[in-house]
């Protein structure tokens, strides 16, 4: 029994989640998380942030360089894109909660820069209890999955954002779930015309979820 508990502790953060979690207690507990090896390279845990009873919860992949230094999610270039898209879609920032599948910045050096490196399945699995607890604590009407990593982490490895983006789906996660691209992908578009087109499509996806009405899941 002791061996199995030790193995569970090493593989996921499940044993670190407080018995009756609130966002404050979750954030405090996650600050010392060492459930995977990413804590060794990240500056700090970057926990979610936003409305305590969020209407919409947004899930990205992981914090980036600026988020790692600031300790806050979506404060870098992708966050700027997200904020612009939220405003265009008519979603008020104080009604949402933003977080990531993985709470530490995974990176590799390239000269003096720290370059994002995609988290692997074990790292995602280790961090998933934090995300599940955030969703339970905030009780959103809708969950928006930003990018393939977030979508596949919560909807299965066979899920394809390219085929299902912008469509409301029923899910145990929340009353509504919608997958779309990560805002960082818009920044990687090859030219201004492509960026404008991708931004317009992203805003259209967010307008779908902005129109969601009704009670929160479990209310």
N, C-alpha and C. Protein backbone atom coordinates (compact mmCIF):
# COMPACT_ATOMS: atom_id res chain seq x y z
N UNK A 1 0.83 -1.21 0.00
CA UNK A 1 0.00 0.00 0.00
C UNK A 1 0.87 1.26 0.00
N UNK A 2 1.91 1.25 0.86
CA UNK A 2 2.79 2.42 0.94
C UNK A 2 3.49 2.65 -0.40
N UNK A 3 3.87 1.55 -1.07
CA UNK A 3 4.54 1.67 -2.35
C UNK A 3 3.62 2.28 -3.39
N UNK A 4 2.34 1.84 -3.41
CA UNK A 4 1.40 2.37 -4.40
C UNK A 4 1.12 3.85 -4.16
N UNK A 5 1.06 4.27 -2.89
CA UNK A 5 0.86 5.69 -2.58
C UNK A 5 2.06 6.51 -3.04
N UNK A 6 3.25 5.97 -2.82
CA UNK A 6 4.46 6.67 -3.26
C UNK A 6 4.47 6.81 -4.77
N UNK A 7 4.05 5.75 -5.47
CA UNK A 7 4.01 5.79 -6.93
C UNK A 7 3.01 6.82 -7.41
N UNK A 8 1.83 6.88 -6.77
CA UNK A 8 0.81 7.86 -7.15
C UNK A 8 1.33 9.27 -6.93
N UNK A 9 2.05 9.47 -5.82
CA UNK A 9 2.58 10.79 -5.51
C UNK A 9 3.59 11.23 -6.57
N UNK A 10 4.38 10.28 -7.05
CA UNK A 10 5.38 10.60 -8.05
C UNK A 10 4.75 10.88 -9.41
N UNK A 11 3.66 10.19 -9.75
CA UNK A 11 3.09 10.28 -11.08
C UNK A 11 2.13 11.44 -11.26
N UNK A 12 1.38 11.82 -10.24
CA UNK A 12 0.44 12.92 -10.37
C UNK A 12 0.43 13.77 -9.11
N UNK A 13 -0.24 14.91 -9.23
CA UNK A 13 -0.38 15.82 -8.09
C UNK A 13 -1.61 15.49 -7.24
N UNK A 14 -2.25 14.36 -7.50
CA UNK A 14 -3.52 14.05 -6.83
C UNK A 14 -3.44 14.13 -5.31
N UNK A 15 -2.35 13.65 -4.74
CA UNK A 15 -2.25 13.64 -3.28
C UNK A 15 -1.95 15.01 -2.69
N UNK A 16 -1.64 15.98 -3.56
CA UNK A 16 -1.38 17.35 -3.08
C UNK A 16 -2.64 18.21 -3.05
N UNK A 17 -3.69 17.76 -3.75
CA UNK A 17 -4.92 18.54 -3.82
C UNK A 17 -5.62 18.53 -2.47
N UNK A 18 -5.95 19.68 -1.90
CA UNK A 18 -6.63 19.72 -0.59
C UNK A 18 -7.96 18.97 -0.61
N UNK A 19 -8.37 18.49 0.55
CA UNK A 19 -9.59 17.68 0.65
C UNK A 19 -10.83 18.47 0.23
N UNK A 20 -10.92 19.72 0.63
CA UNK A 20 -12.07 20.56 0.27
C UNK A 20 -11.52 21.82 -0.40
N UNK A 21 -11.13 21.69 -1.66
CA UNK A 21 -10.34 22.76 -2.30
C UNK A 21 -11.12 24.01 -2.63
N UNK A 22 -10.48 25.13 -2.41
CA UNK A 22 -10.89 26.43 -2.94
C UNK A 22 -9.77 26.89 -3.86
N UNK A 23 -10.01 27.93 -4.64
CA UNK A 23 -8.94 28.41 -5.51
C UNK A 23 -7.73 28.86 -4.70
N UNK A 24 -7.97 29.49 -3.56
CA UNK A 24 -6.85 29.95 -2.74
C UNK A 24 -6.04 28.78 -2.19
N UNK A 25 -6.74 27.75 -1.70
CA UNK A 25 -6.01 26.61 -1.13
C UNK A 25 -5.31 25.81 -2.23
N UNK A 26 -5.92 25.74 -3.40
CA UNK A 26 -5.29 25.05 -4.52
C UNK A 26 -4.02 25.78 -4.97
N UNK A 27 -4.13 27.10 -5.06
CA UNK A 27 -2.96 27.89 -5.49
C UNK A 27 -1.81 27.73 -4.50
N UNK A 28 -2.13 27.74 -3.23
CA UNK A 28 -1.10 27.59 -2.20
C UNK A 28 -0.46 26.21 -2.27
N UNK A 29 -1.28 25.18 -2.45
CA UNK A 29 -0.75 23.82 -2.51
C UNK A 29 0.09 23.61 -3.77
N UNK A 30 -0.36 24.16 -4.89
CA UNK A 30 0.35 23.97 -6.16
C UNK A 30 1.70 24.67 -6.18
N UNK A 31 1.87 25.68 -5.34
CA UNK A 31 3.12 26.44 -5.34
C UNK A 31 4.33 25.55 -5.05
N UNK A 32 4.12 24.48 -4.31
CA UNK A 32 5.23 23.58 -3.99
C UNK A 32 5.18 22.27 -4.74
N UNK A 33 4.42 22.22 -5.84
CA UNK A 33 4.23 20.95 -6.56
C UNK A 33 5.53 20.48 -7.21
N UNK A 34 5.83 19.19 -6.98
CA UNK A 34 6.97 18.55 -7.61
C UNK A 34 6.55 17.19 -8.18
N UNK A 35 5.32 17.13 -8.67
CA UNK A 35 4.77 15.87 -9.16
C UNK A 35 5.45 15.39 -10.45
N UNK A 36 6.07 16.31 -11.17
CA UNK A 36 6.88 15.93 -12.34
C UNK A 36 8.18 16.72 -12.28
N UNK A 37 9.02 16.55 -13.26
CA UNK A 37 10.35 17.17 -13.23
C UNK A 37 10.38 18.63 -13.66
N UNK A 38 9.25 19.16 -14.15
CA UNK A 38 9.27 20.52 -14.71
C UNK A 38 9.56 21.60 -13.68
N UNK A 39 9.30 21.34 -12.41
CA UNK A 39 9.56 22.34 -11.38
C UNK A 39 11.05 22.71 -11.31
N UNK A 40 11.90 21.81 -11.77
CA UNK A 40 13.33 22.05 -11.69
C UNK A 40 13.79 23.16 -12.64
N UNK A 41 13.03 23.37 -13.74
CA UNK A 41 13.44 24.36 -14.73
C UNK A 41 12.57 25.60 -14.70
N UNK A 42 11.32 25.45 -14.26
CA UNK A 42 10.45 26.60 -14.19
C UNK A 42 10.82 27.51 -13.02
N UNK A 43 10.61 28.79 -13.18
CA UNK A 43 10.88 29.73 -12.10
C UNK A 43 9.93 29.53 -10.94
N UNK A 44 8.67 29.21 -11.27
CA UNK A 44 7.63 29.05 -10.26
C UNK A 44 6.42 28.37 -10.87
N UNK A 45 5.54 27.88 -10.02
CA UNK A 45 4.25 27.38 -10.49
C UNK A 45 3.43 28.55 -10.98
N UNK A 46 2.83 28.40 -12.16
CA UNK A 46 1.95 29.44 -12.69
C UNK A 46 0.53 28.88 -12.65
N UNK A 47 -0.19 29.23 -11.59
CA UNK A 47 -1.54 28.71 -11.40
C UNK A 47 -2.53 29.56 -12.17
N UNK A 48 -3.76 29.08 -12.27
CA UNK A 48 -4.80 29.82 -12.96
C UNK A 48 -5.19 31.09 -12.24
N UNK A 49 -5.95 31.93 -12.93
CA UNK A 49 -6.33 33.23 -12.36
C UNK A 49 -7.64 33.70 -12.99
N UNK A 50 -8.47 34.35 -12.19
CA UNK A 50 -9.70 34.92 -12.74
C UNK A 50 -10.86 34.83 -11.77
N UNK A 51 -12.06 34.83 -12.33
CA UNK A 51 -13.28 34.85 -11.54
C UNK A 51 -13.42 33.58 -10.70
N UNK A 52 -13.81 33.76 -9.46
CA UNK A 52 -13.97 32.61 -8.57
C UNK A 52 -15.13 31.72 -9.00
N UNK A 53 -16.18 32.31 -9.54
CA UNK A 53 -17.28 31.54 -10.13
C UNK A 53 -17.37 31.95 -11.59
N UNK A 54 -16.48 31.37 -12.38
CA UNK A 54 -16.30 31.80 -13.76
C UNK A 54 -17.46 31.37 -14.65
N UNK A 55 -17.87 32.26 -15.54
CA UNK A 55 -18.85 31.87 -16.55
C UNK A 55 -18.19 30.99 -17.61
N UNK A 56 -16.95 31.35 -17.97
CA UNK A 56 -16.20 30.58 -18.96
C UNK A 56 -14.79 30.34 -18.43
N UNK A 57 -14.29 29.13 -18.56
CA UNK A 57 -12.93 28.80 -18.15
C UNK A 57 -12.13 28.44 -19.40
N UNK A 58 -11.00 29.10 -19.57
CA UNK A 58 -10.12 28.89 -20.72
C UNK A 58 -8.91 28.08 -20.29
N UNK A 59 -8.57 27.07 -21.09
CA UNK A 59 -7.44 26.20 -20.78
C UNK A 59 -6.44 26.23 -21.93
N UNK A 60 -5.21 26.65 -21.65
CA UNK A 60 -4.14 26.59 -22.63
C UNK A 60 -3.21 25.43 -22.36
N UNK A 61 -2.06 25.44 -23.00
CA UNK A 61 -1.11 24.34 -22.86
C UNK A 61 -0.24 24.47 -21.61
N UNK A 62 0.52 25.56 -21.55
CA UNK A 62 1.44 25.77 -20.43
C UNK A 62 1.83 27.24 -20.41
N UNK A 63 2.36 27.72 -19.28
CA UNK A 63 2.85 29.10 -19.26
C UNK A 63 4.05 29.27 -20.17
N UNK A 64 4.20 30.46 -20.71
CA UNK A 64 5.36 30.78 -21.53
C UNK A 64 6.42 31.50 -20.71
N UNK A 65 7.40 32.07 -21.38
CA UNK A 65 8.52 32.72 -20.72
C UNK A 65 8.05 33.87 -19.82
N UNK A 66 7.21 34.74 -20.34
CA UNK A 66 6.76 35.90 -19.55
C UNK A 66 5.87 35.47 -18.39
N UNK A 67 5.04 34.45 -18.62
CA UNK A 67 4.18 33.94 -17.56
C UNK A 67 5.00 33.30 -16.45
N UNK A 68 6.04 32.59 -16.84
CA UNK A 68 6.92 31.95 -15.87
C UNK A 68 7.58 32.98 -14.95
N UNK A 69 7.97 34.10 -15.52
CA UNK A 69 8.63 35.14 -14.73
C UNK A 69 7.64 35.92 -13.88
N UNK A 70 6.43 36.16 -14.42
CA UNK A 70 5.43 36.95 -13.70
C UNK A 70 4.62 36.11 -12.71
N UNK A 71 4.55 34.80 -12.93
CA UNK A 71 3.74 33.95 -12.07
C UNK A 71 2.25 34.05 -12.36
N UNK A 72 1.89 34.55 -13.55
CA UNK A 72 0.49 34.72 -13.93
C UNK A 72 0.27 34.17 -15.34
N UNK A 73 -0.89 33.55 -15.60
CA UNK A 73 -1.14 32.99 -16.93
C UNK A 73 -1.57 34.05 -17.95
N UNK A 74 -1.20 33.83 -19.19
CA UNK A 74 -1.64 34.66 -20.33
C UNK A 74 -1.36 36.15 -20.14
N UNK A 75 -0.11 36.46 -19.77
CA UNK A 75 0.30 37.85 -19.68
C UNK A 75 1.34 38.20 -20.75
N UNK A 76 1.70 37.23 -21.58
CA UNK A 76 2.65 37.47 -22.65
C UNK A 76 1.95 37.79 -23.96
N UNK A 77 2.64 37.65 -25.09
CA UNK A 77 2.05 37.97 -26.39
C UNK A 77 0.75 37.23 -26.69
N UNK A 78 0.68 35.95 -26.36
CA UNK A 78 -0.56 35.19 -26.59
C UNK A 78 -1.69 35.74 -25.73
N UNK A 79 -1.37 36.21 -24.55
CA UNK A 79 -2.38 36.81 -23.69
C UNK A 79 -2.94 38.09 -24.26
N UNK A 80 -2.08 38.86 -24.93
CA UNK A 80 -2.54 40.09 -25.59
C UNK A 80 -3.54 39.75 -26.68
N UNK A 81 -3.23 38.72 -27.47
CA UNK A 81 -4.14 38.28 -28.53
C UNK A 81 -5.46 37.80 -27.93
N UNK A 82 -5.37 37.02 -26.85
CA UNK A 82 -6.58 36.53 -26.21
C UNK A 82 -7.44 37.67 -25.71
N UNK A 83 -6.84 38.65 -25.08
CA UNK A 83 -7.61 39.79 -24.55
C UNK A 83 -8.31 40.56 -25.67
N UNK A 84 -7.63 40.75 -26.80
CA UNK A 84 -8.25 41.43 -27.94
C UNK A 84 -9.42 40.63 -28.48
N UNK A 85 -9.25 39.31 -28.56
CA UNK A 85 -10.31 38.46 -29.08
C UNK A 85 -11.51 38.42 -28.12
N UNK A 86 -11.24 38.39 -26.83
CA UNK A 86 -12.33 38.43 -25.85
C UNK A 86 -13.15 39.69 -26.01
N UNK A 87 -12.48 40.82 -26.13
CA UNK A 87 -13.18 42.10 -26.28
C UNK A 87 -14.01 42.10 -27.57
N UNK A 88 -13.45 41.59 -28.65
CA UNK A 88 -14.17 41.56 -29.93
C UNK A 88 -15.37 40.63 -29.88
N UNK A 89 -15.28 39.58 -29.07
CA UNK A 89 -16.37 38.61 -28.97
C UNK A 89 -17.41 39.00 -27.92
N UNK A 90 -17.14 40.08 -27.18
CA UNK A 90 -18.09 40.54 -26.18
C UNK A 90 -18.03 39.75 -24.88
N UNK A 91 -16.88 39.19 -24.58
CA UNK A 91 -16.70 38.44 -23.32
C UNK A 91 -15.93 39.31 -22.34
N UNK A 92 -16.50 39.57 -21.20
CA UNK A 92 -15.85 40.41 -20.20
C UNK A 92 -14.78 39.62 -19.46
N UNK A 93 -13.60 40.22 -19.36
CA UNK A 93 -12.46 39.53 -18.75
C UNK A 93 -12.72 39.13 -17.31
N UNK A 94 -13.53 39.90 -16.59
CA UNK A 94 -13.76 39.57 -15.18
C UNK A 94 -14.78 38.45 -14.99
N UNK A 95 -15.32 37.92 -16.09
CA UNK A 95 -16.25 36.79 -16.00
C UNK A 95 -15.58 35.45 -16.29
N UNK A 96 -14.29 35.48 -16.59
CA UNK A 96 -13.63 34.25 -17.01
C UNK A 96 -12.50 33.87 -16.06
N UNK A 97 -12.03 32.64 -16.24
CA UNK A 97 -10.87 32.12 -15.51
C UNK A 97 -9.94 31.52 -16.56
N UNK A 98 -8.66 31.82 -16.46
CA UNK A 98 -7.68 31.30 -17.42
C UNK A 98 -6.65 30.45 -16.70
N UNK A 99 -6.29 29.35 -17.33
CA UNK A 99 -5.31 28.45 -16.73
C UNK A 99 -4.65 27.63 -17.83
N UNK A 100 -3.82 26.69 -17.45
CA UNK A 100 -3.13 25.83 -18.41
C UNK A 100 -3.16 24.38 -17.95
N UNK A 101 -3.01 23.48 -18.90
CA UNK A 101 -2.95 22.06 -18.59
C UNK A 101 -1.74 21.76 -17.70
N UNK A 102 -0.61 22.40 -18.02
CA UNK A 102 0.63 22.23 -17.26
C UNK A 102 0.98 23.55 -16.59
N UNK A 103 1.39 23.50 -15.34
CA UNK A 103 1.58 24.72 -14.56
C UNK A 103 3.02 25.22 -14.48
N UNK A 104 3.95 24.51 -15.06
CA UNK A 104 5.33 24.98 -15.12
C UNK A 104 5.76 25.15 -16.57
N UNK A 105 6.66 26.09 -16.79
CA UNK A 105 7.18 26.39 -18.12
C UNK A 105 8.21 25.34 -18.51
N UNK A 106 7.94 24.63 -19.61
CA UNK A 106 8.91 23.68 -20.14
C UNK A 106 9.63 24.35 -21.30
N UNK A 107 10.94 24.40 -21.24
CA UNK A 107 11.68 25.14 -22.25
C UNK A 107 13.03 24.50 -22.52
N UNK A 108 13.63 24.95 -23.64
CA UNK A 108 14.99 24.56 -23.96
C UNK A 108 15.75 25.82 -24.37
N UNK A 109 17.03 25.90 -24.08
CA UNK A 109 17.79 27.11 -24.40
C UNK A 109 18.08 27.22 -25.89
N UNK A 110 18.03 28.45 -26.39
CA UNK A 110 18.45 28.75 -27.75
C UNK A 110 19.15 30.10 -27.70
N UNK A 111 20.45 30.05 -27.59
CA UNK A 111 21.21 31.27 -27.33
C UNK A 111 20.85 31.77 -25.93
N UNK A 112 20.43 33.03 -25.86
CA UNK A 112 20.02 33.60 -24.57
C UNK A 112 18.52 33.47 -24.33
N UNK A 113 17.81 32.88 -25.29
CA UNK A 113 16.35 32.77 -25.18
C UNK A 113 15.94 31.42 -24.61
N UNK A 114 14.78 31.41 -23.96
CA UNK A 114 14.17 30.18 -23.48
C UNK A 114 13.00 29.85 -24.42
N UNK A 115 13.11 28.77 -25.15
CA UNK A 115 12.14 28.42 -26.17
C UNK A 115 11.19 27.35 -25.65
N UNK A 116 9.91 27.60 -25.83
CA UNK A 116 8.85 26.68 -25.44
C UNK A 116 9.10 25.26 -25.98
N UNK A 117 8.88 24.28 -25.13
CA UNK A 117 8.97 22.88 -25.54
C UNK A 117 7.69 22.19 -25.10
N UNK A 118 7.06 21.44 -25.97
CA UNK A 118 5.77 20.83 -25.69
C UNK A 118 5.87 19.83 -24.54
N UNK A 119 4.96 19.90 -23.57
CA UNK A 119 4.97 18.92 -22.47
C UNK A 119 4.59 17.54 -22.98
N UNK A 120 5.13 16.52 -22.33
CA UNK A 120 4.81 15.15 -22.75
C UNK A 120 3.62 14.60 -21.96
N UNK A 121 3.20 13.40 -22.31
CA UNK A 121 1.99 12.82 -21.71
C UNK A 121 2.13 12.64 -20.20
N UNK A 122 3.31 12.25 -19.74
CA UNK A 122 3.51 12.04 -18.30
C UNK A 122 3.40 13.36 -17.53
N UNK A 123 3.95 14.43 -18.10
CA UNK A 123 3.88 15.75 -17.45
C UNK A 123 2.45 16.27 -17.42
N UNK A 124 1.72 16.03 -18.50
CA UNK A 124 0.31 16.45 -18.54
C UNK A 124 -0.50 15.66 -17.53
N UNK A 125 -0.27 14.36 -17.45
CA UNK A 125 -1.00 13.53 -16.49
C UNK A 125 -0.68 13.93 -15.06
N UNK A 126 0.58 14.27 -14.80
CA UNK A 126 0.97 14.67 -13.45
C UNK A 126 0.24 15.91 -12.99
N UNK A 127 0.00 16.83 -13.91
CA UNK A 127 -0.61 18.12 -13.58
C UNK A 127 -2.13 18.12 -13.65
N UNK A 128 -2.72 17.11 -14.25
CA UNK A 128 -4.16 17.12 -14.49
C UNK A 128 -5.01 17.29 -13.22
N UNK A 129 -4.63 16.71 -12.07
CA UNK A 129 -5.46 16.93 -10.88
C UNK A 129 -5.65 18.40 -10.53
N UNK A 130 -4.66 19.24 -10.78
CA UNK A 130 -4.82 20.68 -10.52
C UNK A 130 -5.90 21.26 -11.41
N UNK A 131 -5.87 20.91 -12.69
CA UNK A 131 -6.85 21.44 -13.63
C UNK A 131 -8.26 20.96 -13.29
N UNK A 132 -8.39 19.69 -12.98
CA UNK A 132 -9.71 19.16 -12.61
C UNK A 132 -10.26 19.86 -11.37
N UNK A 133 -9.37 20.15 -10.42
CA UNK A 133 -9.80 20.84 -9.20
C UNK A 133 -10.18 22.29 -9.50
N UNK A 134 -9.47 22.95 -10.42
CA UNK A 134 -9.82 24.32 -10.81
C UNK A 134 -11.21 24.37 -11.45
N UNK A 135 -11.48 23.41 -12.32
CA UNK A 135 -12.79 23.37 -12.97
C UNK A 135 -13.89 23.15 -11.94
N UNK A 136 -13.65 22.22 -11.03
CA UNK A 136 -14.64 21.95 -9.98
C UNK A 136 -14.86 23.16 -9.08
N UNK A 137 -13.79 23.88 -8.77
CA UNK A 137 -13.89 25.02 -7.85
C UNK A 137 -14.58 26.22 -8.49
N UNK A 138 -14.39 26.42 -9.79
CA UNK A 138 -14.97 27.60 -10.44
C UNK A 138 -16.36 27.34 -11.00
N UNK A 139 -16.69 26.08 -11.32
CA UNK A 139 -18.01 25.72 -11.82
C UNK A 139 -18.45 26.47 -13.05
N UNK A 140 -17.64 26.50 -14.11
CA UNK A 140 -18.00 27.30 -15.29
C UNK A 140 -19.17 26.73 -16.07
N UNK A 141 -19.87 27.60 -16.79
CA UNK A 141 -20.89 27.16 -17.73
C UNK A 141 -20.23 26.50 -18.94
N UNK A 142 -19.07 27.01 -19.32
CA UNK A 142 -18.39 26.51 -20.52
C UNK A 142 -16.89 26.45 -20.27
N UNK A 143 -16.26 25.47 -20.90
CA UNK A 143 -14.80 25.34 -20.89
C UNK A 143 -14.32 25.47 -22.33
N UNK A 144 -13.36 26.37 -22.55
CA UNK A 144 -12.79 26.57 -23.88
C UNK A 144 -11.37 26.02 -23.87
N UNK A 145 -11.10 25.09 -24.76
CA UNK A 145 -9.79 24.45 -24.85
C UNK A 145 -9.00 25.11 -25.97
N UNK A 146 -7.89 25.71 -25.61
CA UNK A 146 -7.08 26.48 -26.55
C UNK A 146 -5.92 25.65 -27.07
N UNK A 147 -6.07 25.14 -28.27
CA UNK A 147 -4.98 24.39 -28.89
C UNK A 147 -5.08 22.90 -28.70
N UNK A 148 -4.28 22.17 -29.49
CA UNK A 148 -4.36 20.72 -29.53
C UNK A 148 -3.96 20.07 -28.22
N UNK A 149 -2.94 20.59 -27.55
CA UNK A 149 -2.49 19.95 -26.31
C UNK A 149 -3.59 19.98 -25.26
N UNK A 150 -4.23 21.12 -25.07
CA UNK A 150 -5.31 21.22 -24.09
C UNK A 150 -6.49 20.35 -24.50
N UNK A 151 -6.85 20.39 -25.77
CA UNK A 151 -8.00 19.61 -26.24
C UNK A 151 -7.76 18.11 -26.10
N UNK A 152 -6.60 17.66 -26.49
CA UNK A 152 -6.32 16.23 -26.41
C UNK A 152 -6.11 15.76 -24.98
N UNK A 153 -5.62 16.64 -24.13
CA UNK A 153 -5.44 16.29 -22.72
C UNK A 153 -6.78 15.99 -22.05
N UNK A 154 -7.82 16.72 -22.45
CA UNK A 154 -9.11 16.57 -21.79
C UNK A 154 -10.16 15.82 -22.60
N UNK A 155 -9.97 15.72 -23.91
CA UNK A 155 -10.96 15.06 -24.75
C UNK A 155 -10.43 13.80 -25.44
N UNK A 156 -9.17 13.48 -25.21
CA UNK A 156 -8.61 12.27 -25.77
C UNK A 156 -7.62 12.54 -26.89
N UNK A 157 -6.66 11.63 -27.05
CA UNK A 157 -5.57 11.84 -28.01
C UNK A 157 -6.04 11.84 -29.45
N UNK A 158 -7.22 11.29 -29.71
CA UNK A 158 -7.73 11.26 -31.07
C UNK A 158 -8.47 12.52 -31.49
N UNK A 159 -8.66 13.44 -30.54
CA UNK A 159 -9.41 14.66 -30.86
C UNK A 159 -8.61 15.55 -31.78
N UNK A 160 -9.27 16.12 -32.79
CA UNK A 160 -8.61 17.01 -33.74
C UNK A 160 -9.30 18.38 -33.75
N UNK A 161 -8.58 19.37 -33.28
CA UNK A 161 -9.13 20.73 -33.25
C UNK A 161 -9.49 21.18 -34.66
N UNK A 162 -8.70 20.82 -35.63
CA UNK A 162 -8.94 21.25 -37.01
C UNK A 162 -10.29 20.77 -37.53
N UNK A 163 -10.78 19.67 -36.99
CA UNK A 163 -12.06 19.11 -37.45
C UNK A 163 -13.23 19.56 -36.59
N UNK A 164 -12.98 19.88 -35.32
CA UNK A 164 -14.07 20.12 -34.38
C UNK A 164 -14.13 21.54 -33.82
N UNK A 165 -13.23 22.41 -34.24
CA UNK A 165 -13.14 23.73 -33.61
C UNK A 165 -14.44 24.53 -33.78
N UNK A 166 -14.72 25.33 -32.76
CA UNK A 166 -15.86 26.23 -32.83
C UNK A 166 -17.21 25.57 -32.62
N UNK A 167 -17.22 24.31 -32.21
CA UNK A 167 -18.49 23.59 -32.02
C UNK A 167 -18.71 23.29 -30.55
N UNK A 168 -19.89 23.62 -30.03
CA UNK A 168 -20.21 23.31 -28.64
C UNK A 168 -20.44 21.81 -28.48
N UNK A 169 -19.81 21.24 -27.47
CA UNK A 169 -19.92 19.81 -27.22
C UNK A 169 -20.36 19.58 -25.78
N UNK A 170 -21.12 18.53 -25.57
CA UNK A 170 -21.48 18.11 -24.20
C UNK A 170 -20.29 17.36 -23.62
N UNK A 171 -20.05 17.57 -22.32
CA UNK A 171 -18.91 16.92 -21.68
C UNK A 171 -19.10 16.92 -20.17
N UNK A 172 -18.53 15.94 -19.48
CA UNK A 172 -18.55 15.96 -18.01
C UNK A 172 -17.78 17.16 -17.44
N UNK A 173 -16.92 17.79 -18.26
CA UNK A 173 -16.13 18.92 -17.77
C UNK A 173 -16.99 20.12 -17.40
N UNK A 174 -18.02 20.37 -18.20
CA UNK A 174 -18.89 21.53 -18.00
C UNK A 174 -20.13 21.34 -18.88
N UNK A 175 -21.07 22.23 -18.70
CA UNK A 175 -22.30 22.16 -19.50
C UNK A 175 -21.99 22.23 -20.99
N UNK A 176 -21.00 23.04 -21.36
CA UNK A 176 -20.57 23.17 -22.75
C UNK A 176 -19.05 23.15 -22.80
N UNK A 177 -18.51 22.53 -23.83
CA UNK A 177 -17.07 22.56 -24.09
C UNK A 177 -16.86 22.93 -25.55
N UNK A 178 -15.89 23.79 -25.79
CA UNK A 178 -15.56 24.21 -27.15
C UNK A 178 -14.05 24.21 -27.31
N UNK A 179 -13.58 23.68 -28.43
CA UNK A 179 -12.15 23.69 -28.72
C UNK A 179 -11.87 24.67 -29.85
N UNK A 180 -10.75 25.35 -29.74
CA UNK A 180 -10.31 26.26 -30.80
C UNK A 180 -8.79 26.30 -30.78
N UNK A 181 -8.21 27.16 -31.58
CA UNK A 181 -6.75 27.25 -31.63
C UNK A 181 -6.21 27.99 -30.40
N UNK A 182 -4.94 27.81 -30.15
CA UNK A 182 -4.27 28.61 -29.13
C UNK A 182 -3.94 29.97 -29.74
N UNK A 183 -4.12 31.06 -29.00
CA UNK A 183 -3.83 32.38 -29.58
C UNK A 183 -2.39 32.54 -30.06
N UNK A 184 -1.47 31.76 -29.53
CA UNK A 184 -0.08 31.85 -30.01
C UNK A 184 0.03 31.44 -31.48
N UNK A 185 -0.88 30.59 -31.95
CA UNK A 185 -0.82 30.16 -33.35
C UNK A 185 -1.11 31.32 -34.29
N UNK A 186 -1.89 32.29 -33.83
CA UNK A 186 -2.19 33.46 -34.65
C UNK A 186 -0.93 34.29 -34.83
N UNK A 187 -0.11 34.37 -33.80
CA UNK A 187 1.15 35.11 -33.88
C UNK A 187 2.13 34.46 -34.86
N UNK A 188 1.96 33.18 -35.09
CA UNK A 188 2.88 32.47 -35.99
C UNK A 188 2.42 32.48 -37.45
N UNK A 189 1.29 33.12 -37.73
CA UNK A 189 0.80 33.21 -39.11
C UNK A 189 1.86 33.88 -39.99
N UNK A 190 1.96 33.49 -41.26
CA UNK A 190 3.08 33.94 -42.09
C UNK A 190 3.07 35.41 -42.49
N UNK A 191 1.89 36.06 -42.50
CA UNK A 191 1.84 37.46 -42.89
C UNK A 191 0.63 38.13 -42.28
N UNK A 192 0.51 39.44 -42.49
CA UNK A 192 -0.58 40.20 -41.88
C UNK A 192 -1.96 39.72 -42.32
N UNK A 193 -2.10 39.42 -43.60
CA UNK A 193 -3.40 38.95 -44.09
C UNK A 193 -3.81 37.65 -43.40
N UNK A 194 -2.86 36.75 -43.27
CA UNK A 194 -3.15 35.47 -42.60
C UNK A 194 -3.48 35.68 -41.13
N UNK A 195 -2.75 36.60 -40.48
CA UNK A 195 -3.02 36.89 -39.07
C UNK A 195 -4.42 37.47 -38.89
N UNK A 196 -4.81 38.39 -39.76
CA UNK A 196 -6.14 38.98 -39.66
C UNK A 196 -7.22 37.93 -39.87
N UNK A 197 -7.01 37.04 -40.83
CA UNK A 197 -7.98 35.99 -41.11
C UNK A 197 -8.10 35.02 -39.94
N UNK A 198 -6.95 34.64 -39.38
CA UNK A 198 -6.96 33.71 -38.24
C UNK A 198 -7.58 34.36 -37.00
N UNK A 199 -7.30 35.64 -36.80
CA UNK A 199 -7.89 36.34 -35.67
C UNK A 199 -9.41 36.41 -35.82
N UNK A 200 -9.89 36.69 -37.02
CA UNK A 200 -11.34 36.77 -37.25
C UNK A 200 -12.00 35.43 -36.97
N UNK A 201 -11.35 34.37 -37.38
CA UNK A 201 -11.92 33.04 -37.14
C UNK A 201 -11.90 32.69 -35.65
N UNK A 202 -10.84 33.08 -34.97
CA UNK A 202 -10.74 32.86 -33.52
C UNK A 202 -11.85 33.61 -32.79
N UNK A 203 -12.08 34.86 -33.16
CA UNK A 203 -13.15 35.65 -32.55
C UNK A 203 -14.51 35.01 -32.81
N UNK A 204 -14.71 34.49 -34.02
CA UNK A 204 -15.96 33.80 -34.32
C UNK A 204 -16.17 32.60 -33.41
N UNK A 205 -15.10 31.85 -33.13
CA UNK A 205 -15.20 30.73 -32.21
C UNK A 205 -15.61 31.20 -30.81
N UNK A 206 -15.00 32.29 -30.36
CA UNK A 206 -15.32 32.80 -29.03
C UNK A 206 -16.74 33.36 -28.97
N UNK A 207 -17.24 33.87 -30.06
CA UNK A 207 -18.62 34.36 -30.08
C UNK A 207 -19.62 33.22 -29.87
N UNK A 208 -19.26 32.03 -30.32
CA UNK A 208 -20.12 30.86 -30.10
C UNK A 208 -20.29 30.61 -28.61
N UNK A 209 -19.18 30.64 -27.90
CA UNK A 209 -19.25 30.37 -26.46
C UNK A 209 -19.79 31.59 -25.70
N UNK A 210 -19.59 32.79 -26.25
CA UNK A 210 -20.13 33.99 -25.60
C UNK A 210 -21.65 33.95 -25.56
N UNK A 211 -22.26 33.26 -26.51
CA UNK A 211 -23.72 33.19 -26.60
C UNK A 211 -24.32 32.16 -25.64
N UNK A 212 -23.47 31.38 -24.98
CA UNK A 212 -23.97 30.36 -24.06
C UNK A 212 -24.67 31.03 -22.88
N UNK A 213 -25.87 30.58 -22.61
CA UNK A 213 -26.63 31.08 -21.47
C UNK A 213 -27.05 29.91 -20.61
N UNK A 214 -27.52 30.21 -19.43
CA UNK A 214 -28.06 29.15 -18.57
C UNK A 214 -27.29 28.99 -17.29
N UNK A 215 -27.70 28.04 -16.52
CA UNK A 215 -27.10 27.82 -15.21
C UNK A 215 -25.75 27.14 -15.34
N UNK A 216 -24.89 27.38 -14.35
CA UNK A 216 -23.62 26.67 -14.29
C UNK A 216 -23.89 25.21 -14.05
N UNK A 217 -22.96 24.39 -14.50
CA UNK A 217 -23.04 22.95 -14.26
C UNK A 217 -23.12 22.69 -12.76
N UNK A 218 -24.11 21.91 -12.36
CA UNK A 218 -24.25 21.57 -10.96
C UNK A 218 -25.06 22.56 -10.17
N UNK A 219 -25.49 23.69 -10.78
CA UNK A 219 -26.25 24.70 -10.04
C UNK A 219 -27.69 24.27 -9.86
